[in-house]
Amino acid sequence: MELLVKKRGPIRANFTKSYNVIMEKLNADDPIEREIKSNFANLERIYSDLTELDSQICGFLLENSNDDKYEAEYLAVEEYSAKMTLTEISVDMYLNKKYESERGSVYPISPQIK
């Protein structure tokens, strides 16, 4: 398990960095759609890698550890999940607003949010 935790460290750091970048871009005065979509695709890839390791670590802790360690790990995992959900919603809201103002139509919501 220690190897999994060690492997996850840089992925979490990369997720946080990418999350901060995309949120900064979304909050800019004039966000660039291509950059938003590119950063979001990158964040989705990182999050996929992260959730795979989180699942393995939580599974190990559930079988081999006490409830407190598992609960602490689960809460940390949920923080990243909440950030990803916030990002998905923020990107969809940005794209909807942009498309609505440009074309009078709504951008299709990503499948994860439906």
PDB file of N, CA and C in Angstrom:
ATOM      1  N   MET A   1       0.812  -1.186   0.000  1.00  0.00           N
ATOM      2  CA  MET A   1       0.000   0.000   0.000  1.00  0.00           C
ATOM      3  C   MET A   1       0.862   1.258   0.000  1.00  0.00           C
ATOM      4  N   GLU A   2       1.991   1.204   0.682  1.00  0.00           N
ATOM      5  CA  GLU A   2       2.861   2.387   0.732  1.00  0.00           C
ATOM      6  C   GLU A   2       3.287   2.825  -0.667  1.00  0.00           C
ATOM      7  N   LEU A   3       3.504   1.861  -1.533  1.00  0.00           N
ATOM      8  CA  LEU A   3       3.880   2.180  -2.913  1.00  0.00           C
ATOM      9  C   LEU A   3       2.738   2.912  -3.637  1.00  0.00           C
ATOM     10  N   LEU A   4       1.511   2.475  -3.393  1.00  0.00           N
ATOM     11  CA  LEU A   4       0.352   3.142  -4.000  1.00  0.00           C
ATOM     12  C   LEU A   4       0.219   4.580  -3.501  1.00  0.00           C
ATOM     13  N   VAL A   5       0.410   4.774  -2.204  1.00  0.00           N
ATOM     14  CA  VAL A   5       0.322   6.118  -1.620  1.00  0.00           C
ATOM     15  C   VAL A   5       1.427   7.003  -2.189  1.00  0.00           C
ATOM     16  N   LYS A   6       2.623   6.432  -2.320  1.00  0.00           N
ATOM     17  CA  LYS A   6       3.750   7.185  -2.881  1.00  0.00           C
ATOM     18  C   LYS A   6       3.479   7.557  -4.341  1.00  0.00           C
ATOM     19  N   LYS A   7       2.904   6.639  -5.085  1.00  0.00           N
ATOM     20  CA  LYS A   7       2.582   6.882  -6.492  1.00  0.00           C
ATOM     21  C   LYS A   7       1.484   7.940  -6.627  1.00  0.00           C
ATOM     22  N   ARG A   8       0.559   7.954  -5.684  1.00  0.00           N
ATOM     23  CA  ARG A   8      -0.566   8.880  -5.737  1.00  0.00           C
ATOM     24  C   ARG A   8      -0.162  10.319  -5.422  1.00  0.00           C
ATOM     25  N   GLY A   9       0.870  10.520  -4.633  1.00  0.00           N
ATOM     26  CA  GLY A   9       1.284  11.865  -4.220  1.00  0.00           C
ATOM     27  C   GLY A   9       1.455  12.844  -5.367  1.00  0.00           C
ATOM     28  N   PRO A  10       2.279  12.527  -6.361  1.00  0.00           N
ATOM     29  CA  PRO A  10       2.448  13.455  -7.485  1.00  0.00           C
ATOM     30  C   PRO A  10       1.179  13.626  -8.325  1.00  0.00           C
ATOM     31  N   ILE A  11       0.341  12.599  -8.360  1.00  0.00           N
ATOM     32  CA  ILE A  11      -0.910  12.707  -9.118  1.00  0.00           C
ATOM     33  C   ILE A  11      -1.848  13.682  -8.419  1.00  0.00           C
ATOM     34  N   ARG A  12      -1.912  13.610  -7.093  1.00  0.00           N
ATOM     35  CA  ARG A  12      -2.724  14.577  -6.344  1.00  0.00           C
ATOM     36  C   ARG A  12      -2.195  15.996  -6.542  1.00  0.00           C
ATOM     37  N   ALA A  13      -0.886  16.142  -6.501  1.00  0.00           N
ATOM     38  CA  ALA A  13      -0.290  17.471  -6.699  1.00  0.00           C
ATOM     39  C   ALA A  13      -0.622  18.000  -8.092  1.00  0.00           C
ATOM     40  N   ASN A  14      -0.538  17.138  -9.088  1.00  0.00           N
ATOM     41  CA  ASN A  14      -0.853  17.532 -10.460  1.00  0.00           C
ATOM     42  C   ASN A  14      -2.337  17.883 -10.599  1.00  0.00           C
ATOM     43  N   PHE A  15      -3.198  17.119  -9.923  1.00  0.00           N
ATOM     44  CA  PHE A  15      -4.630  17.419  -9.944  1.00  0.00           C
ATOM     45  C   PHE A  15      -4.883  18.808  -9.363  1.00  0.00           C
ATOM     46  N   THR A  16      -4.296  19.088  -8.210  1.00  0.00           N
ATOM     47  CA  THR A  16      -4.494  20.379  -7.556  1.00  0.00           C
ATOM     48  C   THR A  16      -3.995  21.516  -8.434  1.00  0.00           C
ATOM     49  N   LYS A  17      -2.835  21.327  -9.035  1.00  0.00           N
ATOM     50  CA  LYS A  17      -2.284  22.352  -9.926  1.00  0.00           C
ATOM     51  C   LYS A  17      -3.219  22.582 -11.117  1.00  0.00           C
ATOM     52  N   SER A  18      -3.667  21.513 -11.746  1.00  0.00           N
ATOM     53  CA  SER A  18      -4.559  21.626 -12.906  1.00  0.00           C
ATOM     54  C   SER A  18      -5.908  22.217 -12.518  1.00  0.00           C
ATOM     55  N   TYR A  19      -6.409  21.831 -11.356  1.00  0.00           N
ATOM     56  CA  TYR A  19      -7.672  22.383 -10.853  1.00  0.00           C
ATOM     57  C   TYR A  19      -7.550  23.895 -10.667  1.00  0.00           C
ATOM     58  N   ASN A  20      -6.466  24.322 -10.041  1.00  0.00           N
ATOM     59  CA  ASN A  20      -6.262  25.757  -9.811  1.00  0.00           C
ATOM     60  C   ASN A  20      -6.151  26.526 -11.128  1.00  0.00           C
ATOM     61  N   VAL A  21      -5.470  25.944 -12.106  1.00  0.00           N
ATOM     62  CA  VAL A  21      -5.316  26.598 -13.412  1.00  0.00           C
ATOM     63  C   VAL A  21      -6.673  26.768 -14.091  1.00  0.00           C
ATOM     64  N   ILE A  22      -7.464  25.713 -14.134  1.00  0.00           N
ATOM     65  CA  ILE A  22      -8.745  25.811 -14.839  1.00  0.00           C
ATOM     66  C   ILE A  22      -9.700  26.758 -14.118  1.00  0.00           C
ATOM     67  N   MET A  23      -9.694  26.749 -12.789  1.00  0.00           N
ATOM     68  CA  MET A  23     -10.572  27.662 -12.059  1.00  0.00           C
ATOM     69  C   MET A  23     -10.139  29.111 -12.281  1.00  0.00           C
ATOM     70  N   GLU A  24      -8.834  29.328 -12.355  1.00  0.00           N
ATOM     71  CA  GLU A  24      -8.322  30.674 -12.643  1.00  0.00           C
ATOM     72  C   GLU A  24      -8.762  31.121 -14.038  1.00  0.00           C
ATOM     73  N   LYS A  25      -8.667  30.213 -15.001  1.00  0.00           N
ATOM     74  CA  LYS A  25      -9.079  30.540 -16.375  1.00  0.00           C
ATOM     75  C   LYS A  25     -10.581  30.810 -16.450  1.00  0.00           C
ATOM     76  N   LEU A  26     -11.368  30.037 -15.720  1.00  0.00           N
ATOM     77  CA  LEU A  26     -12.815  30.248 -15.717  1.00  0.00           C
ATOM     78  C   LEU A  26     -13.193  31.588 -15.088  1.00  0.00           C
ATOM     79  N   ASN A  27     -12.392  32.046 -14.147  1.00  0.00           N
ATOM     80  CA  ASN A  27     -12.678  33.307 -13.462  1.00  0.00           C
ATOM     81  C   ASN A  27     -12.069  34.519 -14.160  1.00  0.00           C
ATOM     82  N   ALA A  28     -11.350  34.294 -15.243  1.00  0.00           N
ATOM     83  CA  ALA A  28     -10.746  35.401 -15.992  1.00  0.00           C
ATOM     84  C   ALA A  28     -11.845  36.243 -16.642  1.00  0.00           C
ATOM     85  N   ASP A  29     -11.496  37.475 -16.969  1.00  0.00           N
ATOM     86  CA  ASP A  29     -12.469  38.372 -17.600  1.00  0.00           C
ATOM     87  C   ASP A  29     -12.964  37.847 -18.942  1.00  0.00           C
ATOM     88  N   ASP A  30     -12.076  37.273 -19.722  1.00  0.00           N
ATOM     89  CA  ASP A  30     -12.456  36.768 -21.043  1.00  0.00           C
ATOM     90  C   ASP A  30     -11.829  35.384 -21.263  1.00  0.00           C
ATOM     91  N   PRO A  31     -12.423  34.331 -20.666  1.00  0.00           N
ATOM     92  CA  PRO A  31     -11.844  32.993 -20.805  1.00  0.00           C
ATOM     93  C   PRO A  31     -11.798  32.550 -22.268  1.00  0.00           C
ATOM     94  N   ILE A  32     -10.790  31.773 -22.589  1.00  0.00           N
ATOM     95  CA  ILE A  32     -10.630  31.249 -23.948  1.00  0.00           C
ATOM     96  C   ILE A  32     -11.152  29.809 -23.958  1.00  0.00           C
ATOM     97  N   GLU A  33     -12.162  29.570 -24.767  1.00  0.00           N
ATOM     98  CA  GLU A  33     -12.852  28.278 -24.779  1.00  0.00           C
ATOM     99  C   GLU A  33     -11.895  27.109 -25.015  1.00  0.00           C
ATOM    100  N   ARG A  34     -11.003  27.246 -25.973  1.00  0.00           N
ATOM    101  CA  ARG A  34     -10.055  26.170 -26.291  1.00  0.00           C
ATOM    102  C   ARG A  34      -9.223  25.803 -25.064  1.00  0.00           C
ATOM    103  N   GLU A  35      -8.764  26.812 -24.327  1.00  0.00           N
ATOM    104  CA  GLU A  35      -7.962  26.561 -23.127  1.00  0.00           C
ATOM    105  C   GLU A  35      -8.795  25.882 -22.043  1.00  0.00           C
ATOM    106  N   ILE A  36     -10.029  26.322 -21.887  1.00  0.00           N
ATOM    107  CA  ILE A  36     -10.912  25.714 -20.891  1.00  0.00           C
ATOM    108  C   ILE A  36     -11.125  24.236 -21.217  1.00  0.00           C
ATOM    109  N   LYS A  37     -11.462  23.946 -22.461  1.00  0.00           N
ATOM    110  CA  LYS A  37     -11.714  22.557 -22.862  1.00  0.00           C
ATOM    111  C   LYS A  37     -10.458  21.698 -22.741  1.00  0.00           C
ATOM    112  N   SER A  38      -9.323  22.245 -23.132  1.00  0.00           N
ATOM    113  CA  SER A  38      -8.059  21.515 -23.053  1.00  0.00           C
ATOM    114  C   SER A  38      -7.687  21.219 -21.604  1.00  0.00           C
ATOM    115  N   ASN A  39      -7.786  22.222 -20.757  1.00  0.00           N
ATOM    116  CA  ASN A  39      -7.469  22.034 -19.342  1.00  0.00           C
ATOM    117  C   ASN A  39      -8.438  21.064 -18.677  1.00  0.00           C
ATOM    118  N   PHE A  40      -9.699  21.132 -19.068  1.00  0.00           N
ATOM    119  CA  PHE A  40     -10.682  20.224 -18.482  1.00  0.00           C
ATOM    120  C   PHE A  40     -10.417  18.781 -18.899  1.00  0.00           C
ATOM    121  N   ALA A  41     -10.081  18.567 -20.166  1.00  0.00           N
ATOM    122  CA  ALA A  41      -9.751  17.214 -20.632  1.00  0.00           C
ATOM    123  C   ALA A  41      -8.549  16.666 -19.872  1.00  0.00           C
ATOM    124  N   ASN A  42      -7.559  17.510 -19.638  1.00  0.00           N
ATOM    125  CA  ASN A  42      -6.384  17.105 -18.883  1.00  0.00           C
ATOM    126  C   ASN A  42      -6.765  16.762 -17.440  1.00  0.00           C
ATOM    127  N   LEU A  43      -7.612  17.588 -16.830  1.00  0.00           N
ATOM    128  CA  LEU A  43      -8.042  17.338 -15.454  1.00  0.00           C
ATOM    129  C   LEU A  43      -8.825  16.029 -15.360  1.00  0.00           C
ATOM    130  N   GLU A  44      -9.664  15.752 -16.337  1.00  0.00           N
ATOM    131  CA  GLU A  44     -10.413  14.487 -16.350  1.00  0.00           C
ATOM    132  C   GLU A  44      -9.466  13.288 -16.397  1.00  0.00           C
ATOM    133  N   ARG A  45      -8.424  13.381 -17.209  1.00  0.00           N
ATOM    134  CA  ARG A  45      -7.446  12.283 -17.311  1.00  0.00           C
ATOM    135  C   ARG A  45      -6.732  12.073 -15.979  1.00  0.00           C
ATOM    136  N   ILE A  46      -6.304  13.167 -15.364  1.00  0.00           N
ATOM    137  CA  ILE A  46      -5.612  13.082 -14.076  1.00  0.00           C
ATOM    138  C   ILE A  46      -6.545  12.504 -13.019  1.00  0.00           C
ATOM    139  N   TYR A  47      -7.799  12.964 -13.021  1.00  0.00           N
ATOM    140  CA  TYR A  47      -8.767  12.490 -12.035  1.00  0.00           C
ATOM    141  C   TYR A  47      -9.033  10.993 -12.195  1.00  0.00           C
ATOM    142  N   SER A  48      -9.056  10.525 -13.419  1.00  0.00           N
ATOM    143  CA  SER A  48      -9.243   9.097 -13.669  1.00  0.00           C
ATOM    144  C   SER A  48      -8.100   8.287 -13.055  1.00  0.00           C
ATOM    145  N   ASP A  49      -6.871   8.739 -13.268  1.00  0.00           N
ATOM    146  CA  ASP A  49      -5.708   8.073 -12.666  1.00  0.00           C
ATOM    147  C   ASP A  49      -5.793   8.112 -11.143  1.00  0.00           C
ATOM    148  N   LEU A  50      -6.202   9.257 -10.621  1.00  0.00           N
ATOM    149  CA  LEU A  50      -6.290   9.443  -9.174  1.00  0.00           C
ATOM    150  C   LEU A  50      -7.346   8.526  -8.566  1.00  0.00           C
ATOM    151  N   THR A  51      -8.512   8.451  -9.172  1.00  0.00           N
ATOM    152  CA  THR A  51      -9.580   7.620  -8.602  1.00  0.00           C
ATOM    153  C   THR A  51      -9.231   6.133  -8.639  1.00  0.00           C
ATOM    154  N   GLU A  52      -8.472   5.732  -9.636  1.00  0.00           N
ATOM    155  CA  GLU A  52      -8.046   4.335  -9.698  1.00  0.00           C
ATOM    156  C   GLU A  52      -7.165   3.994  -8.492  1.00  0.00           C
ATOM    157  N   LEU A  53      -6.202   4.853  -8.202  1.00  0.00           N
ATOM    158  CA  LEU A  53      -5.332   4.620  -7.046  1.00  0.00           C
ATOM    159  C   LEU A  53      -6.102   4.757  -5.739  1.00  0.00           C
ATOM    160  N   ASP A  54      -6.977   5.756  -5.654  1.00  0.00           N
ATOM    161  CA  ASP A  54      -7.783   5.940  -4.442  1.00  0.00           C
ATOM    162  C   ASP A  54      -8.604   4.695  -4.141  1.00  0.00           C
ATOM    163  N   SER A  55      -9.179   4.116  -5.165  1.00  0.00           N
ATOM    164  CA  SER A  55      -9.992   2.914  -4.995  1.00  0.00           C
ATOM    165  C   SER A  55      -9.159   1.753  -4.454  1.00  0.00           C
ATOM    166  N   GLN A  56      -7.962   1.587  -4.989  1.00  0.00           N
ATOM    167  CA  GLN A  56      -7.079   0.518  -4.519  1.00  0.00           C
ATOM    168  C   GLN A  56      -6.665   0.749  -3.068  1.00  0.00           C
ATOM    169  N   ILE A  57      -6.325   1.992  -2.738  1.00  0.00           N
ATOM    170  CA  ILE A  57      -5.885   2.316  -1.379  1.00  0.00           C
ATOM    171  C   ILE A  57      -7.035   2.133  -0.391  1.00  0.00           C
ATOM    172  N   CYS A  58      -8.219   2.633  -0.737  1.00  0.00           N
ATOM    173  CA  CYS A  58      -9.375   2.487   0.156  1.00  0.00           C
ATOM    174  C   CYS A  58      -9.744   1.016   0.338  1.00  0.00           C
ATOM    175  N   GLY A  59      -9.669   0.240  -0.725  1.00  0.00           N
ATOM    176  CA  GLY A  59      -9.939  -1.192  -0.623  1.00  0.00           C
ATOM    177  C   GLY A  59      -8.977  -1.879   0.326  1.00  0.00           C
ATOM    178  N   PHE A  60      -7.702  -1.529   0.219  1.00  0.00           N
ATOM    179  CA  PHE A  60      -6.699  -2.100   1.118  1.00  0.00           C
ATOM    180  C   PHE A  60      -6.986  -1.703   2.562  1.00  0.00           C
ATOM    181  N   LEU A  61      -7.274  -0.425   2.798  1.00  0.00           N
ATOM    182  CA  LEU A  61      -7.544   0.054   4.156  1.00  0.00           C
ATOM    183  C   LEU A  61      -8.801  -0.575   4.737  1.00  0.00           C
ATOM    184  N   LEU A  62      -9.797  -0.774   3.926  1.00  0.00           N
ATOM    185  CA  LEU A  62     -11.044  -1.376   4.387  1.00  0.00           C
ATOM    186  C   LEU A  62     -10.805  -2.796   4.892  1.00  0.00           C
ATOM    187  N   GLU A  63      -9.923  -3.507   4.220  1.00  0.00           N
ATOM    188  CA  GLU A  63      -9.635  -4.888   4.599  1.00  0.00           C
ATOM    189  C   GLU A  63      -8.589  -5.010   5.701  1.00  0.00           C
ATOM    190  N   ASN A  64      -7.646  -4.060   5.777  1.00  0.00           N
ATOM    191  CA  ASN A  64      -6.476  -4.249   6.634  1.00  0.00           C
ATOM    192  C   ASN A  64      -6.251  -3.168   7.682  1.00  0.00           C
ATOM    193  N   SER A  65      -7.194  -2.289   7.888  1.00  0.00           N
ATOM    194  CA  SER A  65      -6.933  -1.169   8.781  1.00  0.00           C
ATOM    195  C   SER A  65      -8.143  -0.917   9.670  1.00  0.00           C
ATOM    196  N   ASN A  66      -7.949   0.014  10.609  1.00  0.00           N
ATOM    197  CA  ASN A  66      -9.077   0.354  11.476  1.00  0.00           C
ATOM    198  C   ASN A  66      -9.980   1.384  10.802  1.00  0.00           C
ATOM    199  N   ASP A  67     -11.134   1.582  11.400  1.00  0.00           N
ATOM    200  CA  ASP A  67     -12.134   2.478  10.812  1.00  0.00           C
ATOM    201  C   ASP A  67     -11.651   3.914  10.700  1.00  0.00           C
ATOM    202  N   ASP A  68     -10.847   4.374  11.654  1.00  0.00           N
ATOM    203  CA  ASP A  68     -10.385   5.766  11.634  1.00  0.00           C
ATOM    204  C   ASP A  68      -9.499   6.055  10.426  1.00  0.00           C
ATOM    205  N   LYS A  69      -8.586   5.143  10.117  1.00  0.00           N
ATOM    206  CA  LYS A  69      -7.708   5.343   8.952  1.00  0.00           C
ATOM    207  C   LYS A  69      -8.517   5.329   7.659  1.00  0.00           C
ATOM    208  N   TYR A  70      -9.458   4.407   7.570  1.00  0.00           N
ATOM    209  CA  TYR A  70     -10.295   4.334   6.372  1.00  0.00           C
ATOM    210  C   TYR A  70     -11.131   5.599   6.234  1.00  0.00           C
ATOM    211  N   GLU A  71     -11.729   6.045   7.330  1.00  0.00           N
ATOM    212  CA  GLU A  71     -12.573   7.241   7.283  1.00  0.00           C
ATOM    213  C   GLU A  71     -11.770   8.477   6.884  1.00  0.00           C
ATOM    214  N   ALA A  72     -10.568   8.623   7.430  1.00  0.00           N
ATOM    215  CA  ALA A  72      -9.717   9.764   7.079  1.00  0.00           C
ATOM    216  C   ALA A  72      -9.371   9.736   5.590  1.00  0.00           C
ATOM    217  N   GLU A  73      -9.057   8.570   5.090  1.00  0.00           N
ATOM    218  CA  GLU A  73      -8.734   8.427   3.666  1.00  0.00           C
ATOM    219  C   GLU A  73      -9.957   8.731   2.810  1.00  0.00           C
ATOM    220  N   TYR A  74     -11.099   8.216   3.216  1.00  0.00           N
ATOM    221  CA  TYR A  74     -12.334   8.437   2.471  1.00  0.00           C
ATOM    222  C   TYR A  74     -12.674   9.924   2.397  1.00  0.00           C
ATOM    223  N   LEU A  75     -12.513  10.640   3.500  1.00  0.00           N
ATOM    224  CA  LEU A  75     -12.801  12.076   3.516  1.00  0.00           C
ATOM    225  C   LEU A  75     -11.867  12.842   2.580  1.00  0.00           C
ATOM    226  N   ALA A  76     -10.606  12.447   2.540  1.00  0.00           N
ATOM    227  CA  ALA A  76      -9.653  13.094   1.631  1.00  0.00           C
ATOM    228  C   ALA A  76     -10.042  12.828   0.177  1.00  0.00           C
ATOM    229  N   VAL A  77     -10.449  11.612  -0.113  1.00  0.00           N
ATOM    230  CA  VAL A  77     -10.879  11.253  -1.466  1.00  0.00           C
ATOM    231  C   VAL A  77     -12.104  12.079  -1.860  1.00  0.00           C
ATOM    232  N   GLU A  78     -13.016  12.268  -0.927  1.00  0.00           N
ATOM    233  CA  GLU A  78     -14.232  13.042  -1.202  1.00  0.00           C
ATOM    234  C   GLU A  78     -13.926  14.506  -1.515  1.00  0.00           C
ATOM    235  N   GLU A  79     -12.876  15.053  -0.923  1.00  0.00           N
ATOM    236  CA  GLU A  79     -12.490  16.437  -1.229  1.00  0.00           C
ATOM    237  C   GLU A  79     -12.112  16.582  -2.708  1.00  0.00           C
ATOM    238  N   TYR A  80     -11.367  15.622  -3.221  1.00  0.00           N
ATOM    239  CA  TYR A  80     -10.990  15.658  -4.640  1.00  0.00           C
ATOM    240  C   TYR A  80     -12.213  15.447  -5.529  1.00  0.00           C
ATOM    241  N   SER A  81     -13.101  14.580  -5.101  1.00  0.00           N
ATOM    242  CA  SER A  81     -14.327  14.347  -5.855  1.00  0.00           C
ATOM    243  C   SER A  81     -15.177  15.615  -5.919  1.00  0.00           C
ATOM    244  N   ALA A  82     -15.266  16.328  -4.806  1.00  0.00           N
ATOM    245  CA  ALA A  82     -16.035  17.576  -4.772  1.00  0.00           C
ATOM    246  C   ALA A  82     -15.420  18.623  -5.698  1.00  0.00           C
ATOM    247  N   LYS A  83     -14.095  18.687  -5.728  1.00  0.00           N
ATOM    248  CA  LYS A  83     -13.423  19.630  -6.629  1.00  0.00           C
ATOM    249  C   LYS A  83     -13.710  19.282  -8.088  1.00  0.00           C
ATOM    250  N   MET A  84     -13.710  18.002  -8.399  1.00  0.00           N
ATOM    251  CA  MET A  84     -13.977  17.589  -9.777  1.00  0.00           C
ATOM    252  C   MET A  84     -15.414  17.919 -10.160  1.00  0.00           C
ATOM    253  N   THR A  85     -16.348  17.673  -9.255  1.00  0.00           N
ATOM    254  CA  THR A  85     -17.750  17.998  -9.516  1.00  0.00           C
ATOM    255  C   THR A  85     -17.929  19.492  -9.724  1.00  0.00           C
ATOM    256  N   LEU A  86     -17.306  20.290  -8.876  1.00  0.00           N
ATOM    257  CA  LEU A  86     -17.381  21.745  -9.017  1.00  0.00           C
ATOM    258  C   LEU A  86     -16.828  22.183 -10.372  1.00  0.00           C
ATOM    259  N   THR A  87     -15.729  21.585 -10.783  1.00  0.00           N
ATOM    260  CA  THR A  87     -15.123  21.940 -12.069  1.00  0.00           C
ATOM    261  C   THR A  87     -16.039  21.566 -13.227  1.00  0.00           C
ATOM    262  N   GLU A  88     -16.611  20.359 -13.186  1.00  0.00           N
ATOM    263  CA  GLU A  88     -17.533  19.934 -14.249  1.00  0.00           C
ATOM    264  C   GLU A  88     -18.698  20.908 -14.379  1.00  0.00           C
ATOM    265  N   ILE A  89     -19.276  21.279 -13.262  1.00  0.00           N
ATOM    266  CA  ILE A  89     -20.416  22.195 -13.277  1.00  0.00           C
ATOM    267  C   ILE A  89     -19.986  23.575 -13.760  1.00  0.00           C
ATOM    268  N   SER A  90     -18.841  24.041 -13.298  1.00  0.00           N
ATOM    269  CA  SER A  90     -18.348  25.363 -13.706  1.00  0.00           C
ATOM    270  C   SER A  90     -18.067  25.425 -15.200  1.00  0.00           C
ATOM    271  N   VAL A  91     -17.462  24.379 -15.744  1.00  0.00           N
ATOM    272  CA  VAL A  91     -17.177  24.338 -17.185  1.00  0.00           C
ATOM    273  C   VAL A  91     -18.487  24.299 -17.969  1.00  0.00           C
ATOM    274  N   ASP A  92     -19.422  23.469 -17.543  1.00  0.00           N
ATOM    275  CA  ASP A  92     -20.712  23.409 -18.232  1.00  0.00           C
ATOM    276  C   ASP A  92     -21.438  24.750 -18.174  1.00  0.00           C
ATOM    277  N   MET A  93     -21.405  25.413 -17.034  1.00  0.00           N
ATOM    278  CA  MET A  93     -22.060  26.721 -16.914  1.00  0.00           C
ATOM    279  C   MET A  93     -21.395  27.746 -17.831  1.00  0.00           C
ATOM    280  N   TYR A  94     -20.068  27.729 -17.873  1.00  0.00           N
ATOM    281  CA  TYR A  94     -19.340  28.650 -18.755  1.00  0.00           C
ATOM    282  C   TYR A  94     -19.719  28.403 -20.215  1.00  0.00           C
ATOM    283  N   LEU A  95     -19.689  27.135 -20.633  1.00  0.00           N
ATOM    284  CA  LEU A  95     -19.993  26.807 -22.026  1.00  0.00           C
ATOM    285  C   LEU A  95     -21.447  27.128 -22.364  1.00  0.00           C
ATOM    286  N   ASN A  96     -22.362  26.843 -21.441  1.00  0.00           N
ATOM    287  CA  ASN A  96     -23.770  27.182 -21.675  1.00  0.00           C
ATOM    288  C   ASN A  96     -23.949  28.677 -21.860  1.00  0.00           C
ATOM    289  N   LYS A  97     -23.330  29.441 -20.980  1.00  0.00           N
ATOM    290  CA  LYS A  97     -23.443  30.902 -21.054  1.00  0.00           C
ATOM    291  C   LYS A  97     -22.859  31.416 -22.371  1.00  0.00           C
ATOM    292  N   LYS A  98     -21.703  30.881 -22.743  1.00  0.00           N
ATOM    293  CA  LYS A  98     -21.035  31.308 -23.971  1.00  0.00           C
ATOM    294  C   LYS A  98     -21.877  30.973 -25.202  1.00  0.00           C
ATOM    295  N   TYR A  99     -22.332  29.734 -25.292  1.00  0.00           N
ATOM    296  CA  TYR A  99     -23.113  29.313 -26.454  1.00  0.00           C
ATOM    297  C   TYR A  99     -24.461  30.017 -26.509  1.00  0.00           C
ATOM    298  N   GLU A 100     -25.063  30.214 -25.359  1.00  0.00           N
ATOM    299  CA  GLU A 100     -26.357  30.891 -25.325  1.00  0.00           C
ATOM    300  C   GLU A 100     -26.232  32.331 -25.821  1.00  0.00           C
ATOM    301  N   SER A 101     -25.175  33.013 -25.394  1.00  0.00           N
ATOM    302  CA  SER A 101     -25.004  34.403 -25.821  1.00  0.00           C
ATOM    303  C   SER A 101     -24.600  34.498 -27.295  1.00  0.00           C
ATOM    304  N   GLU A 102     -23.861  33.504 -27.790  1.00  0.00           N
ATOM    305  CA  GLU A 102     -23.409  33.533 -29.185  1.00  0.00           C
ATOM    306  C   GLU A 102     -24.453  33.006 -30.163  1.00  0.00           C
ATOM    307  N   ARG A 103     -25.141  31.956 -29.779  1.00  0.00           N
ATOM    308  CA  ARG A 103     -26.004  31.257 -30.734  1.00  0.00           C
ATOM    309  C   ARG A 103     -27.467  31.200 -30.320  1.00  0.00           C
ATOM    310  N   GLY A 104     -27.742  31.633 -29.122  1.00  0.00           N
ATOM    311  CA  GLY A 104     -29.107  31.542 -28.642  1.00  0.00           C
ATOM    312  C   GLY A 104     -29.520  30.123 -28.299  1.00  0.00           C
ATOM    313  N   SER A 105     -28.530  29.216 -28.184  1.00  0.00           N
ATOM    314  CA  SER A 105     -28.828  27.837 -27.807  1.00  0.00           C
ATOM    315  C   SER A 105     -27.949  27.439 -26.631  1.00  0.00           C
ATOM    316  N   VAL A 106     -28.278  26.323 -26.039  1.00  0.00           N
ATOM    317  CA  VAL A 106     -27.562  25.850 -24.860  1.00  0.00           C
ATOM    318  C   VAL A 106     -26.582  24.764 -25.264  1.00  0.00           C
ATOM    319  N   TYR A 107     -25.387  24.806 -24.679  1.00  0.00           N
ATOM    320  CA  TYR A 107     -24.362  23.788 -24.906  1.00  0.00           C
ATOM    321  C   TYR A 107     -24.806  22.491 -24.235  1.00  0.00           C
ATOM    322  N   PRO A 108     -24.626  21.332 -24.879  1.00  0.00           N
ATOM    323  CA  PRO A 108     -25.041  20.074 -24.258  1.00  0.00           C
ATOM    324  C   PRO A 108     -24.233  19.792 -22.992  1.00  0.00           C
ATOM    325  N   ILE A 109     -24.923  19.442 -21.940  1.00  0.00           N
ATOM    326  CA  ILE A 109     -24.270  19.157 -20.657  1.00  0.00           C
ATOM    327  C   ILE A 109     -23.490  17.860 -20.771  1.00  0.00           C
ATOM    328  N   SER A 110     -22.336  17.818 -20.085  1.00  0.00           N
ATOM    329  CA  SER A 110     -21.510  16.620 -20.154  1.00  0.00           C
ATOM    330  C   SER A 110     -22.255  15.424 -19.560  1.00  0.00           C
ATOM    331  N   PRO A 111     -21.985  14.227 -20.067  1.00  0.00           N
ATOM    332  CA  PRO A 111     -22.719  13.026 -19.659  1.00  0.00           C
ATOM    333  C   PRO A 111     -22.634  12.739 -18.164  1.00  0.00           C
ATOM    334  N   GLN A 112     -21.542  13.142 -17.504  1.00  0.00           N
ATOM    335  CA  GLN A 112     -21.390  12.861 -16.085  1.00  0.00           C
ATOM    336  C   GLN A 112     -22.419  13.605 -15.247  1.00  0.00           C
ATOM    337  N   ILE A 113     -22.907  14.727 -15.742  1.00  0.00           N
ATOM    338  CA  ILE A 113     -23.784  15.572 -14.940  1.00  0.00           C
ATOM    339  C   ILE A 113     -25.257  15.230 -15.146  1.00  0.00           C
ATOM    340  N   LYS A 114     -25.597  14.591 -16.231  1.00  0.00           N
ATOM    341  CA  LYS A 114     -27.003  14.257 -16.515  1.00  0.00           C
ATOM    342  C   LYS A 114     -27.579  13.346 -15.472  1.00  0.00           C
TER     343      LYS A 114
END
